[in-house]
Amino acid sequence: MSGNKEVTKVTRIGIKYNPPSIVIEYSKKKKDETKIFHRKLHISQKLYDSTEMNHLNDMCKTLSKEFDLLREDHVPFPRLYCLLQKLWSRKRIDTKVEQNYTDLDLNLVSDQELKEAKDNMERLFCVNKIDPDSEGYTYDKRVDFNDVQSDSSWD
């Protein structure tokens, strides 16, 4: 019976600065078959809003509880803390770059990941939105586009 048990092992872990994420590579072994998977965990904007280092300790504990792959037996607490510290110290988010959701099916993610994706979309929208109070705002902006010569025979 123990031969049918699925064994999950974290093989690599890293960070992505924009959007702030922890990327986990892990393998699942069942019998003689091993498959490799990747999981991207988007880090909440709360990490960047915090100005205190002790917040990282709480963040590590929360991530360890919420995500099975980040438990202490998979990823040592000091390693996770070090990764979050790198993200926190960088605090660099390029807000003009849009998040690419083409490789992520939001219908299949957890409620927490969906909420984070929606929060990220809302944040990007608010940053890129131009209203009358914005610098560079032009009322009734008109732009002339160059004529593009292309085959439109199907039209």
C-alpha atoms as a PDB file:
ATOM      1  CA  MET A   1       0.000   0.000   0.000  1.00  0.00           C
ATOM      2  CA  SER A   2       2.808   2.451   0.777  1.00  0.00           C
ATOM      3  CA  GLY A   3       3.959   2.215  -2.870  1.00  0.00           C
ATOM      4  CA  ASN A   4       0.781   4.018  -3.989  1.00  0.00           C
ATOM      5  CA  LYS A   5       1.421   6.993  -1.740  1.00  0.00           C
ATOM      6  CA  GLU A   6       2.121  10.265  -3.536  1.00  0.00           C
ATOM      7  CA  VAL A   7       5.252  12.058  -2.326  1.00  0.00           C
ATOM      8  CA  THR A   8       5.596  15.813  -2.862  1.00  0.00           C
ATOM      9  CA  LYS A   9       9.017  17.420  -2.683  1.00  0.00           C
ATOM     10  CA  VAL A  10       9.962  21.068  -3.223  1.00  0.00           C
ATOM     11  CA  THR A  11      12.950  21.083  -5.577  1.00  0.00           C
ATOM     12  CA  ARG A  12      13.538  24.816  -6.037  1.00  0.00           C
ATOM     13  CA  ILE A  13      12.126  28.075  -4.747  1.00  0.00           C
ATOM     14  CA  GLY A  14      12.723  31.596  -5.971  1.00  0.00           C
ATOM     15  CA  ILE A  15      11.247  35.057  -6.209  1.00  0.00           C
ATOM     16  CA  LYS A  16       9.965  37.290  -8.952  1.00  0.00           C
ATOM     17  CA  TYR A  17      10.040  41.029  -8.354  1.00  0.00           C
ATOM     18  CA  ASN A  18       7.359  42.153 -10.750  1.00  0.00           C
ATOM     19  CA  PRO A  19       4.724  41.213  -9.819  1.00  0.00           C
ATOM     20  CA  PRO A  20       6.063  40.254  -6.389  1.00  0.00           C
ATOM     21  CA  SER A  21       5.774  36.473  -6.245  1.00  0.00           C
ATOM     22  CA  ILE A  22       7.301  33.347  -4.811  1.00  0.00           C
ATOM     23  CA  VAL A  23       7.869  30.697  -7.478  1.00  0.00           C
ATOM     24  CA  ILE A  24       7.993  27.084  -6.324  1.00  0.00           C
ATOM     25  CA  GLU A  25       9.146  24.126  -8.373  1.00  0.00           C
ATOM     26  CA  TYR A  26       8.074  20.825  -6.878  1.00  0.00           C
ATOM     27  CA  SER A  27       7.848  17.217  -7.877  1.00  0.00           C
ATOM     28  CA  LYS A  28       5.178  14.639  -7.198  1.00  0.00           C
ATOM     29  CA  LYS A  29       6.259  11.042  -7.205  1.00  0.00           C
ATOM     30  CA  LYS A  30       3.777   8.213  -7.338  1.00  0.00           C
ATOM     31  CA  LYS A  31       5.105   4.706  -7.846  1.00  0.00           C
ATOM     32  CA  ASP A  32       7.840   5.035 -10.499  1.00  0.00           C
ATOM     33  CA  GLU A  33       6.457   8.179 -12.124  1.00  0.00           C
ATOM     34  CA  THR A  34       7.715  11.660 -11.201  1.00  0.00           C
ATOM     35  CA  LYS A  35       6.093  14.829 -12.493  1.00  0.00           C
ATOM     36  CA  ILE A  36       7.437  18.354 -12.046  1.00  0.00           C
ATOM     37  CA  PHE A  37       5.098  21.273 -11.370  1.00  0.00           C
ATOM     38  CA  HIS A  38       5.490  25.027 -10.891  1.00  0.00           C
ATOM     39  CA  ARG A  39       3.388  27.210  -8.607  1.00  0.00           C
ATOM     40  CA  LYS A  40       3.451  30.991  -8.462  1.00  0.00           C
ATOM     41  CA  LEU A  41       2.236  32.623  -5.253  1.00  0.00           C
ATOM     42  CA  HIS A  42       1.568  36.319  -5.628  1.00  0.00           C
ATOM     43  CA  ILE A  43       2.596  38.301  -2.567  1.00  0.00           C
ATOM     44  CA  SER A  44       0.053  40.738  -1.250  1.00  0.00           C
ATOM     45  CA  GLN A  45       0.613  44.477  -1.511  1.00  0.00           C
ATOM     46  CA  LYS A  46       0.500  44.489   2.316  1.00  0.00           C
ATOM     47  CA  LEU A  47       4.132  43.311   2.288  1.00  0.00           C
ATOM     48  CA  TYR A  48       5.126  46.493   0.499  1.00  0.00           C
ATOM     49  CA  ASP A  49       2.931  48.753   2.585  1.00  0.00           C
ATOM     50  CA  SER A  50       4.578  47.569   5.796  1.00  0.00           C
ATOM     51  CA  THR A  51       7.558  49.535   7.042  1.00  0.00           C
ATOM     52  CA  GLU A  52       8.497  47.148   9.820  1.00  0.00           C
ATOM     53  CA  MET A  53      10.768  44.132   9.446  1.00  0.00           C
ATOM     54  CA  ASN A  54       8.818  42.141  12.059  1.00  0.00           C
ATOM     55  CA  HIS A  55       5.958  42.035   9.561  1.00  0.00           C
ATOM     56  CA  LEU A  56       8.056  39.600   7.513  1.00  0.00           C
ATOM     57  CA  ASN A  57       8.060  37.116  10.370  1.00  0.00           C
ATOM     58  CA  ASP A  58       4.253  37.195  10.481  1.00  0.00           C
ATOM     59  CA  MET A  59       4.101  36.902   6.706  1.00  0.00           C
ATOM     60  CA  CYS A  60       6.315  33.784   6.785  1.00  0.00           C
ATOM     61  CA  LYS A  61       4.079  32.166   9.393  1.00  0.00           C
ATOM     62  CA  THR A  62       0.937  32.995   7.425  1.00  0.00           C
ATOM     63  CA  LEU A  63       2.342  31.636   4.165  1.00  0.00           C
ATOM     64  CA  SER A  64       3.517  28.460   5.921  1.00  0.00           C
ATOM     65  CA  LYS A  65       0.010  27.880   7.269  1.00  0.00           C
ATOM     66  CA  GLU A  66      -1.911  28.760   4.108  1.00  0.00           C
ATOM     67  CA  PHE A  67       0.201  26.959   1.513  1.00  0.00           C
ATOM     68  CA  ASP A  68       1.127  23.329   2.000  1.00  0.00           C
ATOM     69  CA  LEU A  69       4.235  23.684  -0.212  1.00  0.00           C
ATOM     70  CA  LEU A  70       5.687  26.320   2.148  1.00  0.00           C
ATOM     71  CA  ARG A  71       5.403  24.255   5.326  1.00  0.00           C
ATOM     72  CA  GLU A  72       8.549  24.017   7.452  1.00  0.00           C
ATOM     73  CA  ASP A  73       9.179  20.412   6.324  1.00  0.00           C
ATOM     74  CA  HIS A  74       9.247  21.543   2.646  1.00  0.00           C
ATOM     75  CA  VAL A  75      10.902  24.973   2.891  1.00  0.00           C
ATOM     76  CA  PRO A  76      12.953  25.926   5.964  1.00  0.00           C
ATOM     77  CA  PHE A  77      11.641  29.019   7.719  1.00  0.00           C
ATOM     78  CA  PRO A  78      14.966  30.936   7.394  1.00  0.00           C
ATOM     79  CA  ARG A  79      14.959  30.342   3.619  1.00  0.00           C
ATOM     80  CA  LEU A  80      11.402  31.669   3.267  1.00  0.00           C
ATOM     81  CA  TYR A  81      12.239  34.643   5.492  1.00  0.00           C
ATOM     82  CA  CYS A  82      15.314  35.429   3.379  1.00  0.00           C
ATOM     83  CA  LEU A  83      13.262  35.400   0.157  1.00  0.00           C
ATOM     84  CA  LEU A  84      10.596  37.683   1.610  1.00  0.00           C
ATOM     85  CA  GLN A  85      13.289  39.990   2.945  1.00  0.00           C
ATOM     86  CA  LYS A  86      14.733  40.322  -0.573  1.00  0.00           C
ATOM     87  CA  LEU A  87      11.299  41.194  -1.925  1.00  0.00           C
ATOM     88  CA  TRP A  88      10.649  43.651   0.900  1.00  0.00           C
ATOM     89  CA  SER A  89      14.003  45.379   0.556  1.00  0.00           C
ATOM     90  CA  ARG A  90      13.597  45.849  -3.176  1.00  0.00           C
ATOM     91  CA  LYS A  91      10.079  47.299  -2.988  1.00  0.00           C
ATOM     92  CA  ARG A  92      10.111  47.757  -6.726  1.00  0.00           C
ATOM     93  CA  ILE A  93       6.883  47.431  -8.614  1.00  0.00           C
ATOM     94  CA  ASP A  94       6.763  48.711 -12.145  1.00  0.00           C
ATOM     95  CA  THR A  95       3.154  49.816 -12.204  1.00  0.00           C
ATOM     96  CA  LYS A  96       3.148  50.636 -15.907  1.00  0.00           C
ATOM     97  CA  VAL A  97       3.722  46.995 -16.848  1.00  0.00           C
ATOM     98  CA  GLU A  98       0.458  45.167 -17.119  1.00  0.00           C
ATOM     99  CA  GLN A  99       0.037  41.762 -15.531  1.00  0.00           C
ATOM    100  CA  ASN A 100      -0.176  38.985 -18.092  1.00  0.00           C
ATOM    101  CA  TYR A 101      -2.992  36.625 -17.163  1.00  0.00           C
ATOM    102  CA  THR A 102      -2.962  34.675 -20.423  1.00  0.00           C
ATOM    103  CA  ASP A 103      -1.118  31.731 -18.856  1.00  0.00           C
ATOM    104  CA  LEU A 104      -3.284  31.715 -15.734  1.00  0.00           C
ATOM    105  CA  ASP A 105      -6.852  30.409 -15.746  1.00  0.00           C
ATOM    106  CA  LEU A 106      -8.545  32.453 -13.028  1.00  0.00           C
ATOM    107  CA  ASN A 107     -11.444  29.989 -13.010  1.00  0.00           C
ATOM    108  CA  LEU A 108      -9.156  27.313 -11.572  1.00  0.00           C
ATOM    109  CA  VAL A 109      -7.256  29.256  -8.885  1.00  0.00           C
ATOM    110  CA  SER A 110      -8.078  29.400  -5.191  1.00  0.00           C
ATOM    111  CA  ASP A 111     -10.274  32.141  -3.745  1.00  0.00           C
ATOM    112  CA  GLN A 112      -7.227  33.838  -2.247  1.00  0.00           C
ATOM    113  CA  GLU A 113      -5.331  33.847  -5.558  1.00  0.00           C
ATOM    114  CA  LEU A 114      -8.404  35.159  -7.377  1.00  0.00           C
ATOM    115  CA  LYS A 115      -8.777  37.973  -4.840  1.00  0.00           C
ATOM    116  CA  GLU A 116      -5.087  38.866  -5.209  1.00  0.00           C
ATOM    117  CA  ALA A 117      -5.391  38.875  -9.027  1.00  0.00           C
ATOM    118  CA  LYS A 118      -8.447  41.134  -8.858  1.00  0.00           C
ATOM    119  CA  ASP A 119      -6.724  43.430  -6.342  1.00  0.00           C
ATOM    120  CA  ASN A 120      -3.696  43.623  -8.635  1.00  0.00           C
ATOM    121  CA  MET A 121      -5.877  44.450 -11.637  1.00  0.00           C
ATOM    122  CA  GLU A 122      -7.682  47.135  -9.636  1.00  0.00           C
ATOM    123  CA  ARG A 123      -4.378  48.597  -8.417  1.00  0.00           C
ATOM    124  CA  LEU A 124      -2.976  48.720 -11.966  1.00  0.00           C
ATOM    125  CA  PHE A 125      -6.176  50.312 -13.223  1.00  0.00           C
ATOM    126  CA  CYS A 126      -6.066  53.007 -10.523  1.00  0.00           C
ATOM    127  CA  VAL A 127      -2.400  53.746 -11.217  1.00  0.00           C
ATOM    128  CA  ASN A 128      -2.874  54.040 -14.990  1.00  0.00           C
ATOM    129  CA  LYS A 129      -6.207  55.879 -14.860  1.00  0.00           C
ATOM    130  CA  ILE A 130      -6.120  59.500 -15.963  1.00  0.00           C
ATOM    131  CA  ASP A 131      -8.663  61.829 -14.414  1.00  0.00           C
ATOM    132  CA  PRO A 132      -8.960  65.644 -14.354  1.00  0.00           C
ATOM    133  CA  ASP A 133      -6.707  65.834 -11.270  1.00  0.00           C
ATOM    134  CA  SER A 134      -3.910  63.838 -12.943  1.00  0.00           C
ATOM    135  CA  GLU A 135      -0.759  65.466 -14.243  1.00  0.00           C
ATOM    136  CA  GLY A 136      -0.772  65.501 -18.031  1.00  0.00           C
ATOM    137  CA  TYR A 137      -4.570  65.388 -18.254  1.00  0.00           C
ATOM    138  CA  THR A 138      -5.942  66.879 -21.476  1.00  0.00           C
ATOM    139  CA  TYR A 139      -9.632  67.562 -21.900  1.00  0.00           C
ATOM    140  CA  ASP A 140     -11.016  66.290 -25.218  1.00  0.00           C
ATOM    141  CA  LYS A 141      -7.721  64.836 -26.367  1.00  0.00           C
ATOM    142  CA  ARG A 142      -7.547  64.185 -30.100  1.00  0.00           C
ATOM    143  CA  VAL A 143      -4.913  62.074 -31.773  1.00  0.00           C
ATOM    144  CA  ASP A 144      -4.229  61.594 -35.482  1.00  0.00           C
ATOM    145  CA  PHE A 145      -3.111  58.098 -36.353  1.00  0.00           C
ATOM    146  CA  ASN A 146      -0.941  57.348 -39.353  1.00  0.00           C
ATOM    147  CA  ASP A 147      -2.695  55.525 -42.151  1.00  0.00           C
ATOM    148  CA  VAL A 148      -1.741  51.893 -42.001  1.00  0.00           C
ATOM    149  CA  GLN A 149      -1.601  50.130 -45.323  1.00  0.00           C
ATOM    150  CA  SER A 150      -2.716  46.566 -44.811  1.00  0.00           C
ATOM    151  CA  ASP A 151      -4.686  43.990 -46.702  1.00  0.00           C
ATOM    152  CA  SER A 152      -8.306  44.362 -45.700  1.00  0.00           C
ATOM    153  CA  SER A 153      -9.850  42.425 -48.566  1.00  0.00           C
ATOM    154  CA  TRP A 154     -11.800  40.291 -46.155  1.00  0.00           C
ATOM    155  CA  ASP A 155     -13.569  43.376 -44.804  1.00  0.00           C
END
